[in-house]
Amino acid sequence: MKRIFAILLGLLAVLQYRLWLGENNLSQYMVLETHIAEQQQSNEKLIARNQILKQEIIDLKSGTEAIEERARNELGMVKKGETFYRVVGNDIRQSNHFGQ
């Protein structure tokens, strides 16, 4: 009986050593869990961004509306027959918004 008790106690000591101090111990496991959670959040953000880009590609390939919108917003283009109006005001929020 003492022999079985000594073997079980020795086995428990070995397992406890591996759990707390051995390779791939509990603290390393916790750190890896944190890194995995952070990476999953990063992946979710990138997946959402990729979905937006895919949708934009589909819009650009399928019609002229997206191209027209980009030309208007990014290049300041207007259609033939349209009149472009630029409203300039003394609003403080406008000057702060543009970094002036």
PDB file of N, CA and C in Angstrom:
ATOM      1  N   MET A   1       0.829  -1.192   0.000  1.00  0.00           N
ATOM      2  CA  MET A   1       0.000   0.000   0.000  1.00  0.00           C
ATOM      3  C   MET A   1       0.869   1.250   0.000  1.00  0.00           C
ATOM      4  N   LYS A   2       1.959   1.207   0.782  1.00  0.00           N
ATOM      5  CA  LYS A   2       2.850   2.364   0.817  1.00  0.00           C
ATOM      6  C   LYS A   2       3.531   2.553  -0.530  1.00  0.00           C
ATOM      7  N   ARG A   3       3.809   1.445  -1.187  1.00  0.00           N
ATOM      8  CA  ARG A   3       4.475   1.519  -2.495  1.00  0.00           C
ATOM      9  C   ARG A   3       3.560   2.207  -3.530  1.00  0.00           C
ATOM     10  N   ILE A   4       2.286   1.863  -3.554  1.00  0.00           N
ATOM     11  CA  ILE A   4       1.327   2.478  -4.492  1.00  0.00           C
ATOM     12  C   ILE A   4       1.180   3.962  -4.173  1.00  0.00           C
ATOM     13  N   PHE A   5       1.095   4.273  -2.901  1.00  0.00           N
ATOM     14  CA  PHE A   5       0.985   5.666  -2.485  1.00  0.00           C
ATOM     15  C   PHE A   5       2.216   6.461  -2.933  1.00  0.00           C
ATOM     16  N   ALA A   6       3.405   5.897  -2.779  1.00  0.00           N
ATOM     17  CA  ALA A   6       4.643   6.569  -3.186  1.00  0.00           C
ATOM     18  C   ALA A   6       4.685   6.757  -4.702  1.00  0.00           C
ATOM     19  N   ILE A   7       4.229   5.761  -5.445  1.00  0.00           N
ATOM     20  CA  ILE A   7       4.200   5.870  -6.928  1.00  0.00           C
ATOM     21  C   ILE A   7       3.219   6.946  -7.346  1.00  0.00           C
ATOM     22  N   LEU A   8       2.054   6.963  -6.748  1.00  0.00           N
ATOM     23  CA  LEU A   8       1.052   7.989  -7.089  1.00  0.00           C
ATOM     24  C   LEU A   8       1.533   9.387  -6.717  1.00  0.00           C
ATOM     25  N   LEU A   9       2.198   9.499  -5.568  1.00  0.00           N
ATOM     26  CA  LEU A   9       2.728  10.784  -5.140  1.00  0.00           C
ATOM     27  C   LEU A   9       3.838  11.254  -6.096  1.00  0.00           C
ATOM     28  N   GLY A  10       4.689  10.351  -6.514  1.00  0.00           N
ATOM     29  CA  GLY A  10       5.744  10.677  -7.479  1.00  0.00           C
ATOM     30  C   GLY A  10       5.162  11.094  -8.823  1.00  0.00           C
ATOM     31  N   LEU A  11       4.136  10.391  -9.268  1.00  0.00           N
ATOM     32  CA  LEU A  11       3.463  10.727 -10.530  1.00  0.00           C
ATOM     33  C   LEU A  11       2.806  12.101 -10.436  1.00  0.00           C
ATOM     34  N   LEU A  12       2.192  12.376  -9.303  1.00  0.00           N
ATOM     35  CA  LEU A  12       1.586  13.689  -9.086  1.00  0.00           C
ATOM     36  C   LEU A  12       2.643  14.788  -9.121  1.00  0.00           C
ATOM     37  N   ALA A  13       3.787  14.546  -8.508  1.00  0.00           N
ATOM     38  CA  ALA A  13       4.866  15.542  -8.499  1.00  0.00           C
ATOM     39  C   ALA A  13       5.370  15.804  -9.921  1.00  0.00           C
ATOM     40  N   VAL A  14       5.525  14.760 -10.713  1.00  0.00           N
ATOM     41  CA  VAL A  14       5.986  14.926 -12.105  1.00  0.00           C
ATOM     42  C   VAL A  14       4.969  15.727 -12.908  1.00  0.00           C
ATOM     43  N   LEU A  15       3.705  15.395 -12.742  1.00  0.00           N
ATOM     44  CA  LEU A  15       2.658  16.111 -13.483  1.00  0.00           C
ATOM     45  C   LEU A  15       2.572  17.571 -13.060  1.00  0.00           C
ATOM     46  N   GLN A  16       2.704  17.836 -11.780  1.00  0.00           N
ATOM     47  CA  GLN A  16       2.675  19.217 -11.298  1.00  0.00           C
ATOM     48  C   GLN A  16       3.874  20.000 -11.835  1.00  0.00           C
ATOM     49  N   TYR A  17       5.027  19.364 -11.873  1.00  0.00           N
ATOM     50  CA  TYR A  17       6.217  20.023 -12.415  1.00  0.00           C
ATOM     51  C   TYR A  17       5.992  20.393 -13.881  1.00  0.00           C
ATOM     52  N   ARG A  18       5.465  19.455 -14.659  1.00  0.00           N
ATOM     53  CA  ARG A  18       5.216  19.737 -16.082  1.00  0.00           C
ATOM     54  C   ARG A  18       4.155  20.820 -16.258  1.00  0.00           C
ATOM     55  N   LEU A  19       3.170  20.809 -15.364  1.00  0.00           N
ATOM     56  CA  LEU A  19       2.094  21.803 -15.468  1.00  0.00           C
ATOM     57  C   LEU A  19       2.610  23.214 -15.215  1.00  0.00           C
ATOM     58  N   TRP A  20       3.435  23.408 -14.207  1.00  0.00           N
ATOM     59  CA  TRP A  20       3.850  24.747 -13.797  1.00  0.00           C
ATOM     60  C   TRP A  20       5.203  25.171 -14.365  1.00  0.00           C
ATOM     61  N   LEU A  21       6.143  24.263 -14.540  1.00  0.00           N
ATOM     62  CA  LEU A  21       7.496  24.646 -14.913  1.00  0.00           C
ATOM     63  C   LEU A  21       7.994  24.004 -16.203  1.00  0.00           C
ATOM     64  N   GLY A  22       7.343  23.000 -16.710  1.00  0.00           N
ATOM     65  CA  GLY A  22       7.823  22.258 -17.867  1.00  0.00           C
ATOM     66  C   GLY A  22       7.561  22.983 -19.174  1.00  0.00           C
ATOM     67  N   GLU A  23       7.921  22.294 -20.247  1.00  0.00           N
ATOM     68  CA  GLU A  23       7.702  22.838 -21.588  1.00  0.00           C
ATOM     69  C   GLU A  23       6.191  22.938 -21.830  1.00  0.00           C
ATOM     70  N   ASN A  24       5.779  24.027 -22.472  1.00  0.00           N
ATOM     71  CA  ASN A  24       4.357  24.302 -22.729  1.00  0.00           C
ATOM     72  C   ASN A  24       3.549  24.321 -21.434  1.00  0.00           C
ATOM     73  N   ASN A  25       4.044  25.048 -20.454  1.00  0.00           N
ATOM     74  CA  ASN A  25       3.385  25.094 -19.154  1.00  0.00           C
ATOM     75  C   ASN A  25       2.145  25.983 -19.183  1.00  0.00           C
ATOM     76  N   LEU A  26       1.522  26.102 -18.054  1.00  0.00           N
ATOM     77  CA  LEU A  26       0.247  26.820 -17.945  1.00  0.00           C
ATOM     78  C   LEU A  26       0.382  28.302 -18.287  1.00  0.00           C
ATOM     79  N   SER A  27       1.452  28.959 -17.863  1.00  0.00           N
ATOM     80  CA  SER A  27       1.616  30.387 -18.164  1.00  0.00           C
ATOM     81  C   SER A  27       1.815  30.615 -19.656  1.00  0.00           C
ATOM     82  N   GLN A  28       2.563  29.733 -20.311  1.00  0.00           N
ATOM     83  CA  GLN A  28       2.732  29.858 -21.765  1.00  0.00           C
ATOM     84  C   GLN A  28       1.407  29.636 -22.476  1.00  0.00           C
ATOM     85  N   TYR A  29       0.609  28.733 -21.961  1.00  0.00           N
ATOM     86  CA  TYR A  29      -0.714  28.469 -22.525  1.00  0.00           C
ATOM     87  C   TYR A  29      -1.595  29.714 -22.454  1.00  0.00           C
ATOM     88  N   MET A  30      -1.564  30.390 -21.317  1.00  0.00           N
ATOM     89  CA  MET A  30      -2.369  31.602 -21.141  1.00  0.00           C
ATOM     90  C   MET A  30      -1.919  32.703 -22.103  1.00  0.00           C
ATOM     91  N   VAL A  31      -0.602  32.855 -22.270  1.00  0.00           N
ATOM     92  CA  VAL A  31      -0.081  33.859 -23.196  1.00  0.00           C
ATOM     93  C   VAL A  31      -0.522  33.536 -24.626  1.00  0.00           C
ATOM     94  N   LEU A  32      -0.437  32.262 -24.997  1.00  0.00           N
ATOM     95  CA  LEU A  32      -0.866  31.862 -26.342  1.00  0.00           C
ATOM     96  C   LEU A  32      -2.356  32.087 -26.549  1.00  0.00           C
ATOM     97  N   GLU A  33      -3.155  31.837 -25.523  1.00  0.00           N
ATOM     98  CA  GLU A  33      -4.599  32.094 -25.620  1.00  0.00           C
ATOM     99  C   GLU A  33      -4.858  33.578 -25.912  1.00  0.00           C
ATOM    100  N   THR A  34      -4.124  34.456 -25.247  1.00  0.00           N
ATOM    101  CA  THR A  34      -4.267  35.896 -25.469  1.00  0.00           C
ATOM    102  C   THR A  34      -3.876  36.263 -26.891  1.00  0.00           C
ATOM    103  N   HIS A  35      -2.755  35.710 -27.360  1.00  0.00           N
ATOM    104  CA  HIS A  35      -2.308  35.994 -28.729  1.00  0.00           C
ATOM    105  C   HIS A  35      -3.312  35.486 -29.760  1.00  0.00           C
ATOM    106  N   ILE A  36      -3.880  34.339 -29.506  1.00  0.00           N
ATOM    107  CA  ILE A  36      -4.876  33.783 -30.431  1.00  0.00           C
ATOM    108  C   ILE A  36      -6.101  34.677 -30.489  1.00  0.00           C
ATOM    109  N   ALA A  37      -6.568  35.154 -29.346  1.00  0.00           N
ATOM    110  CA  ALA A  37      -7.742  36.039 -29.315  1.00  0.00           C
ATOM    111  C   ALA A  37      -7.461  37.338 -30.070  1.00  0.00           C
ATOM    112  N   GLU A  38      -6.267  37.905 -29.868  1.00  0.00           N
ATOM    113  CA  GLU A  38      -5.904  39.136 -30.578  1.00  0.00           C
ATOM    114  C   GLU A  38      -5.838  38.892 -32.076  1.00  0.00           C
ATOM    115  N   GLN A  39      -5.259  37.781 -32.483  1.00  0.00           N
ATOM    116  CA  GLN A  39      -5.138  37.467 -33.904  1.00  0.00           C
ATOM    117  C   GLN A  39      -6.508  37.238 -34.537  1.00  0.00           C
ATOM    118  N   GLN A  40      -7.412  36.600 -33.794  1.00  0.00           N
ATOM    119  CA  GLN A  40      -8.759  36.384 -34.312  1.00  0.00           C
ATOM    120  C   GLN A  40      -9.482  37.707 -34.527  1.00  0.00           C
ATOM    121  N   GLN A  41      -9.316  38.661 -33.607  1.00  0.00           N
ATOM    122  CA  GLN A  41      -9.929  39.978 -33.781  1.00  0.00           C
ATOM    123  C   GLN A  41      -9.352  40.683 -35.000  1.00  0.00           C
ATOM    124  N   SER A  42      -8.045  40.591 -35.156  1.00  0.00           N
ATOM    125  CA  SER A  42      -7.387  41.196 -36.310  1.00  0.00           C
ATOM    126  C   SER A  42      -7.885  40.553 -37.601  1.00  0.00           C
ATOM    127  N   ASN A  43      -8.023  39.241 -37.591  1.00  0.00           N
ATOM    128  CA  ASN A  43      -8.510  38.530 -38.771  1.00  0.00           C
ATOM    129  C   ASN A  43      -9.935  38.939 -39.118  1.00  0.00           C
ATOM    130  N   GLU A  44     -10.780  39.112 -38.104  1.00  0.00           N
ATOM    131  CA  GLU A  44     -12.163  39.518 -38.347  1.00  0.00           C
ATOM    132  C   GLU A  44     -12.216  40.904 -38.997  1.00  0.00           C
ATOM    133  N   LYS A  45     -11.362  41.818 -38.538  1.00  0.00           N
ATOM    134  CA  LYS A  45     -11.315  43.151 -39.136  1.00  0.00           C
ATOM    135  C   LYS A  45     -10.859  43.072 -40.584  1.00  0.00           C
ATOM    136  N   LEU A  46      -9.855  42.253 -40.846  1.00  0.00           N
ATOM    137  CA  LEU A  46      -9.348  42.117 -42.212  1.00  0.00           C
ATOM    138  C   LEU A  46     -10.366  41.444 -43.121  1.00  0.00           C
ATOM    139  N   ILE A  47     -11.097  40.481 -42.601  1.00  0.00           N
ATOM    140  CA  ILE A  47     -12.144  39.823 -43.392  1.00  0.00           C
ATOM    141  C   ILE A  47     -13.227  40.833 -43.758  1.00  0.00           C
ATOM    142  N   ALA A  48     -13.626  41.663 -42.802  1.00  0.00           N
ATOM    143  CA  ALA A  48     -14.638  42.687 -43.083  1.00  0.00           C
ATOM    144  C   ALA A  48     -14.129  43.672 -44.128  1.00  0.00           C
ATOM    145  N   ARG A  49     -12.880  44.076 -44.006  1.00  0.00           N
ATOM    146  CA  ARG A  49     -12.275  44.990 -44.985  1.00  0.00           C
ATOM    147  C   ARG A  49     -12.231  44.355 -46.369  1.00  0.00           C
ATOM    148  N   ASN A  50     -11.874  43.078 -46.429  1.00  0.00           N
ATOM    149  CA  ASN A  50     -11.823  42.376 -47.706  1.00  0.00           C
ATOM    150  C   ASN A  50     -13.204  42.273 -48.337  1.00  0.00           C
ATOM    151  N   GLN A  51     -14.225  42.050 -47.516  1.00  0.00           N
ATOM    152  CA  GLN A  51     -15.587  41.989 -48.047  1.00  0.00           C
ATOM    153  C   GLN A  51     -15.988  43.325 -48.669  1.00  0.00           C
ATOM    154  N   ILE A  52     -15.622  44.414 -48.007  1.00  0.00           N
ATOM    155  CA  ILE A  52     -15.932  45.743 -48.541  1.00  0.00           C
ATOM    156  C   ILE A  52     -15.205  45.948 -49.876  1.00  0.00           C
ATOM    157  N   LEU A  53     -13.943  45.561 -49.926  1.00  0.00           N
ATOM    158  CA  LEU A  53     -13.176  45.713 -51.166  1.00  0.00           C
ATOM    159  C   LEU A  53     -13.736  44.835 -52.281  1.00  0.00           C
ATOM    160  N   LYS A  54     -14.150  43.609 -51.954  1.00  0.00           N
ATOM    161  CA  LYS A  54     -14.753  42.732 -52.958  1.00  0.00           C
ATOM    162  C   LYS A  54     -16.026  43.352 -53.516  1.00  0.00           C
ATOM    163  N   GLN A  55     -16.845  43.904 -52.619  1.00  0.00           N
ATOM    164  CA  GLN A  55     -18.088  44.537 -53.066  1.00  0.00           C
ATOM    165  C   GLN A  55     -17.797  45.733 -53.951  1.00  0.00           C
ATOM    166  N   GLU A  56     -16.779  46.497 -53.605  1.00  0.00           N
ATOM    167  CA  GLU A  56     -16.405  47.650 -54.411  1.00  0.00           C
ATOM    168  C   GLU A  56     -15.909  47.214 -55.787  1.00  0.00           C
ATOM    169  N   ILE A  57     -15.161  46.129 -55.844  1.00  0.00           N
ATOM    170  CA  ILE A  57     -14.684  45.602 -57.124  1.00  0.00           C
ATOM    171  C   ILE A  57     -15.856  45.175 -57.981  1.00  0.00           C
ATOM    172  N   ILE A  58     -16.819  44.488 -57.374  1.00  0.00           N
ATOM    173  CA  ILE A  58     -18.010  44.062 -58.116  1.00  0.00           C
ATOM    174  C   ILE A  58     -18.757  45.280 -58.649  1.00  0.00           C
ATOM    175  N   ASP A  59     -18.906  46.313 -57.822  1.00  0.00           N
ATOM    176  CA  ASP A  59     -19.580  47.539 -58.256  1.00  0.00           C
ATOM    177  C   ASP A  59     -18.835  48.195 -59.408  1.00  0.00           C
ATOM    178  N   LEU A  60     -17.512  48.240 -59.322  1.00  0.00           N
ATOM    179  CA  LEU A  60     -16.729  48.875 -60.385  1.00  0.00           C
ATOM    180  C   LEU A  60     -16.812  48.088 -61.687  1.00  0.00           C
ATOM    181  N   LYS A  61     -16.860  46.763 -61.604  1.00  0.00           N
ATOM    182  CA  LYS A  61     -16.926  45.938 -62.801  1.00  0.00           C
ATOM    183  C   LYS A  61     -18.309  45.938 -63.435  1.00  0.00           C
ATOM    184  N   SER A  62     -19.347  46.047 -62.615  1.00  0.00           N
ATOM    185  CA  SER A  62     -20.699  45.849 -63.122  1.00  0.00           C
ATOM    186  C   SER A  62     -21.369  47.116 -63.645  1.00  0.00           C
ATOM    187  N   GLY A  63     -20.972  48.273 -63.203  1.00  0.00           N
ATOM    188  CA  GLY A  63     -21.701  49.452 -63.647  1.00  0.00           C
ATOM    189  C   GLY A  63     -20.842  50.688 -63.649  1.00  0.00           C
ATOM    190  N   THR A  64     -21.435  51.739 -64.185  1.00  0.00           N
ATOM    191  CA  THR A  64     -20.713  53.003 -64.284  1.00  0.00           C
ATOM    192  C   THR A  64     -21.000  53.920 -63.096  1.00  0.00           C
ATOM    193  N   GLU A  65     -21.966  53.565 -62.269  1.00  0.00           N
ATOM    194  CA  GLU A  65     -22.328  54.433 -61.149  1.00  0.00           C
ATOM    195  C   GLU A  65     -21.169  54.581 -60.158  1.00  0.00           C
ATOM    196  N   ALA A  66     -20.500  53.488 -59.848  1.00  0.00           N
ATOM    197  CA  ALA A  66     -19.381  53.556 -58.905  1.00  0.00           C
ATOM    198  C   ALA A  66     -18.229  54.345 -59.502  1.00  0.00           C
ATOM    199  N   ILE A  67     -17.977  54.156 -60.790  1.00  0.00           N
ATOM    200  CA  ILE A  67     -16.904  54.909 -61.456  1.00  0.00           C
ATOM    201  C   ILE A  67     -17.244  56.395 -61.467  1.00  0.00           C
ATOM    202  N   GLU A  68     -18.497  56.698 -61.763  1.00  0.00           N
ATOM    203  CA  GLU A  68     -18.934  58.096 -61.773  1.00  0.00           C
ATOM    204  C   GLU A  68     -18.806  58.716 -60.383  1.00  0.00           C
ATOM    205  N   GLU A  69     -19.191  57.980 -59.365  1.00  0.00           N
ATOM    206  CA  GLU A  69     -19.089  58.491 -58.000  1.00  0.00           C
ATOM    207  C   GLU A  69     -17.638  58.774 -57.621  1.00  0.00           C
ATOM    208  N   ARG A  70     -16.733  57.857 -57.971  1.00  0.00           N
ATOM    209  CA  ARG A  70     -15.312  58.086 -57.683  1.00  0.00           C
ATOM    210  C   ARG A  70     -14.783  59.292 -58.446  1.00  0.00           C
ATOM    211  N   ALA A  71     -15.170  59.443 -59.703  1.00  0.00           N
ATOM    212  CA  ALA A  71     -14.706  60.576 -60.494  1.00  0.00           C
ATOM    213  C   ALA A  71     -15.185  61.887 -59.871  1.00  0.00           C
ATOM    214  N   ARG A  72     -16.395  61.886 -59.382  1.00  0.00           N
ATOM    215  CA  ARG A  72     -16.925  63.101 -58.753  1.00  0.00           C
ATOM    216  C   ARG A  72     -16.206  63.413 -57.445  1.00  0.00           C
ATOM    217  N   ASN A  73     -16.054  62.397 -56.594  1.00  0.00           N
ATOM    218  CA  ASN A  73     -15.485  62.621 -55.265  1.00  0.00           C
ATOM    219  C   ASN A  73     -13.982  62.849 -55.294  1.00  0.00           C
ATOM    220  N   GLU A  74     -13.268  62.032 -56.042  1.00  0.00           N
ATOM    221  CA  GLU A  74     -11.813  62.080 -55.987  1.00  0.00           C
ATOM    222  C   GLU A  74     -11.202  63.047 -57.000  1.00  0.00           C
ATOM    223  N   LEU A  75     -11.844  63.198 -58.152  1.00  0.00           N
ATOM    224  CA  LEU A  75     -11.268  64.039 -59.198  1.00  0.00           C
ATOM    225  C   LEU A  75     -12.011  65.357 -59.389  1.00  0.00           C
ATOM    226  N   GLY A  76     -13.161  65.504 -58.741  1.00  0.00           N
ATOM    227  CA  GLY A  76     -13.922  66.747 -58.854  1.00  0.00           C
ATOM    228  C   GLY A  76     -14.574  66.933 -60.219  1.00  0.00           C
ATOM    229  N   MET A  77     -14.859  65.855 -60.906  1.00  0.00           N
ATOM    230  CA  MET A  77     -15.440  65.944 -62.241  1.00  0.00           C
ATOM    231  C   MET A  77     -16.947  66.184 -62.157  1.00  0.00           C
ATOM    232  N   VAL A  78     -17.486  66.805 -63.197  1.00  0.00           N
ATOM    233  CA  VAL A  78     -18.918  67.050 -63.300  1.00  0.00           C
ATOM    234  C   VAL A  78     -19.387  66.581 -64.661  1.00  0.00           C
ATOM    235  N   LYS A  79     -20.676  66.277 -64.760  1.00  0.00           N
ATOM    236  CA  LYS A  79     -21.257  65.844 -66.028  1.00  0.00           C
ATOM    237  C   LYS A  79     -21.452  67.038 -66.953  1.00  0.00           C
ATOM    238  N   LYS A  80     -21.564  66.729 -68.225  1.00  0.00           N
ATOM    239  CA  LYS A  80     -21.833  67.764 -69.209  1.00  0.00           C
ATOM    240  C   LYS A  80     -23.221  68.344 -68.930  1.00  0.00           C
ATOM    241  N   GLY A  81     -23.282  69.634 -68.879  1.00  0.00           N
ATOM    242  CA  GLY A  81     -24.541  70.309 -68.612  1.00  0.00           C
ATOM    243  C   GLY A  81     -24.768  70.621 -67.139  1.00  0.00           C
ATOM    244  N   GLU A  82     -23.955  70.093 -66.260  1.00  0.00           N
ATOM    245  CA  GLU A  82     -24.087  70.383 -64.837  1.00  0.00           C
ATOM    246  C   GLU A  82     -23.279  71.628 -64.491  1.00  0.00           C
ATOM    247  N   THR A  83     -23.660  72.273 -63.415  1.00  0.00           N
ATOM    248  CA  THR A  83     -22.924  73.429 -62.916  1.00  0.00           C
ATOM    249  C   THR A  83     -22.363  73.088 -61.554  1.00  0.00           C
ATOM    250  N   PHE A  84     -21.105  73.345 -61.380  1.00  0.00           N
ATOM    251  CA  PHE A  84     -20.426  73.051 -60.115  1.00  0.00           C
ATOM    252  C   PHE A  84     -20.450  74.282 -59.238  1.00  0.00           C
ATOM    253  N   TYR A  85     -20.936  74.148 -58.017  1.00  0.00           N
ATOM    254  CA  TYR A  85     -20.968  75.240 -57.055  1.00  0.00           C
ATOM    255  C   TYR A  85     -20.090  74.857 -55.872  1.00  0.00           C
ATOM    256  N   ARG A  86     -19.248  75.774 -55.457  1.00  0.00           N
ATOM    257  CA  ARG A  86     -18.423  75.570 -54.267  1.00  0.00           C
ATOM    258  C   ARG A  86     -18.864  76.593 -53.240  1.00  0.00           C
ATOM    259  N   VAL A  87     -19.282  76.126 -52.082  1.00  0.00           N
ATOM    260  CA  VAL A  87     -19.759  77.001 -51.030  1.00  0.00           C
ATOM    261  C   VAL A  87     -18.637  77.149 -50.014  1.00  0.00           C
ATOM    262  N   VAL A  88     -18.194  78.378 -49.832  1.00  0.00           N
ATOM    263  CA  VAL A  88     -17.135  78.662 -48.873  1.00  0.00           C
ATOM    264  C   VAL A  88     -17.738  79.524 -47.780  1.00  0.00           C
ATOM    265  N   GLY A  89     -17.559  79.086 -46.534  1.00  0.00           N
ATOM    266  CA  GLY A  89     -18.136  79.832 -45.431  1.00  0.00           C
ATOM    267  C   GLY A  89     -17.093  80.162 -44.383  1.00  0.00           C
ATOM    268  N   ASN A  90     -17.509  80.908 -43.392  1.00  0.00           N
ATOM    269  CA  ASN A  90     -16.629  81.291 -42.294  1.00  0.00           C
ATOM    270  C   ASN A  90     -16.828  80.389 -41.085  1.00  0.00           C
ATOM    271  N   ASP A  91     -17.417  79.260 -41.292  1.00  0.00           N
ATOM    272  CA  ASP A  91     -17.702  78.332 -40.197  1.00  0.00           C
ATOM    273  C   ASP A  91     -16.402  77.786 -39.631  1.00  0.00           C
ATOM    274  N   ILE A  92     -16.233  77.866 -38.308  1.00  0.00           N
ATOM    275  CA  ILE A  92     -15.016  77.417 -37.647  1.00  0.00           C
ATOM    276  C   ILE A  92     -14.834  75.914 -37.824  1.00  0.00           C
ATOM    277  N   ARG A  93     -15.943  75.172 -37.787  1.00  0.00           N
ATOM    278  CA  ARG A  93     -15.855  73.726 -37.933  1.00  0.00           C
ATOM    279  C   ARG A  93     -15.281  73.339 -39.287  1.00  0.00           C
ATOM    280  N   GLN A  94     -15.603  74.103 -40.341  1.00  0.00           N
ATOM    281  CA  GLN A  94     -15.060  73.801 -41.661  1.00  0.00           C
ATOM    282  C   GLN A  94     -13.558  73.999 -41.687  1.00  0.00           C
ATOM    283  N   SER A  95     -13.065  75.110 -41.126  1.00  0.00           N
ATOM    284  CA  SER A  95     -11.631  75.370 -41.187  1.00  0.00           C
ATOM    285  C   SER A  95     -10.877  74.366 -40.333  1.00  0.00           C
ATOM    286  N   ASN A  96     -11.439  73.949 -39.200  1.00  0.00           N
ATOM    287  CA  ASN A  96     -10.774  72.925 -38.380  1.00  0.00           C
ATOM    288  C   ASN A  96     -10.807  71.572 -39.062  1.00  0.00           C
ATOM    289  N   HIS A  97     -11.888  71.296 -39.777  1.00  0.00           N
ATOM    290  CA  HIS A  97     -12.040  70.009 -40.454  1.00  0.00           C
ATOM    291  C   HIS A  97     -10.959  69.825 -41.531  1.00  0.00           C
ATOM    292  N   PHE A  98     -10.613  70.892 -42.187  1.00  0.00           N
ATOM    293  CA  PHE A  98      -9.629  70.799 -43.273  1.00  0.00           C
ATOM    294  C   PHE A  98      -8.216  71.099 -42.788  1.00  0.00           C
ATOM    295  N   GLY A  99      -8.016  71.259 -41.516  1.00  0.00           N
ATOM    296  CA  GLY A  99      -6.683  71.456 -40.959  1.00  0.00           C
ATOM    297  C   GLY A  99      -6.145  72.855 -41.153  1.00  0.00           C
ATOM    298  N   GLN A 100      -7.010  73.846 -41.389  1.00  0.00           N
ATOM    299  CA  GLN A 100      -6.565  75.227 -41.612  1.00  0.00           C
ATOM    300  C   GLN A 100      -6.693  76.041 -40.342  1.00  0.00           C
TER     301      GLN A 100
END
